[in-house]
């Protein structure tokens, strides 16, 4: 994820990491992860996928606060 505006709180395998505008965080394959906006400013981030398979049918929702499960 590339944060282009605001600040992101990324939870990566149970550890909270703050990612600010202009910073990048890599999400390893198989890692449990989520992102949230801890501030008042809009959070804008870009997800960049790389590799030979870019599908999303392998997503496993561990927790869904938004009713998408």
Protein backbone atom coordinates (compact mmCIF):
# COMPACT_ATOMS: atom_id res chain seq x y z
CA UNK A 1 0.00 0.00 0.00
CA UNK A 2 1.20 3.52 -0.88
CA UNK A 3 -0.29 6.26 1.26
CA UNK A 4 -0.86 9.34 -0.89
CA UNK A 5 -2.88 11.42 1.61
CA UNK A 6 -3.53 11.24 5.32
CA UNK A 7 -2.20 8.70 7.77
CA UNK A 8 -2.98 4.99 7.85
CA UNK A 9 -2.99 2.66 10.82
CA UNK A 10 -2.11 -0.74 9.36
CA UNK A 11 -2.59 -3.84 11.45
CA UNK A 12 -0.21 -6.47 10.10
CA UNK A 13 -0.28 -9.86 11.81
CA UNK A 14 -1.49 -8.23 15.04
CA UNK A 15 1.04 -5.36 15.10
CA UNK A 16 -0.13 -1.75 14.54
CA UNK A 17 2.05 0.29 12.19
CA UNK A 18 1.55 3.96 11.32
CA UNK A 19 2.10 4.77 7.65
CA UNK A 20 2.20 8.46 6.71
CA UNK A 21 1.75 10.30 3.42
CA UNK A 22 4.47 9.29 0.96
CA UNK A 23 5.31 6.07 2.80
CA UNK A 24 4.83 2.48 1.66
CA UNK A 25 4.14 -0.76 3.49
CA UNK A 26 4.55 -4.23 1.97
CA UNK A 27 2.00 -6.87 2.89
CA UNK A 28 3.58 -10.35 2.68
CA UNK A 29 1.61 -13.19 1.10
CA UNK A 30 -0.62 -14.82 3.70
CA UNK A 31 -0.29 -12.04 6.27
CA UNK A 32 -3.43 -10.99 8.16
CA UNK A 33 -3.86 -7.28 7.50
CA UNK A 34 -6.28 -4.36 7.65
CA UNK A 35 -6.11 -0.60 7.28
CA UNK A 36 -7.95 2.17 9.08
CA UNK A 37 -7.95 5.95 9.19
CA UNK A 38 -7.08 7.11 12.72
CA UNK A 39 -7.29 10.82 11.90
CA UNK A 40 -9.64 13.56 10.75
CA UNK A 41 -8.06 13.98 7.30
CA UNK A 42 -9.19 11.73 4.45
CA UNK A 43 -6.99 8.68 3.95
CA UNK A 44 -6.09 7.86 0.37
CA UNK A 45 -3.94 4.85 -0.41
CA UNK A 46 -3.13 2.82 -3.49
CA UNK A 47 -2.86 -0.95 -3.47
CA UNK A 48 -0.17 -2.22 -5.81
CA UNK A 49 -0.19 -5.95 -6.53
CA UNK A 50 2.73 -7.75 -8.08
CA UNK A 51 3.43 -11.33 -9.03
CA UNK A 52 2.05 -13.88 -11.42
CA UNK A 53 -1.46 -14.05 -9.91
CA UNK A 54 -3.43 -10.88 -9.18
CA UNK A 55 -6.90 -12.29 -8.52
CA UNK A 56 -8.86 -11.62 -5.35
CA UNK A 57 -10.68 -14.93 -4.99
CA UNK A 58 -8.19 -16.02 -2.32
CA UNK A 59 -9.32 -13.39 0.22
CA UNK A 60 -10.26 -14.81 3.60
CA UNK A 61 -12.08 -12.33 5.83
CA UNK A 62 -11.00 -12.86 9.43
CA UNK A 63 -13.18 -10.03 10.75
CA UNK A 64 -15.56 -7.76 8.87
CA UNK A 65 -16.96 -4.70 10.60
CA UNK A 66 -18.80 -3.64 7.43
CA UNK A 67 -21.04 -6.62 6.58
CA UNK A 68 -19.14 -7.82 3.50
CA UNK A 69 -18.52 -11.39 4.73
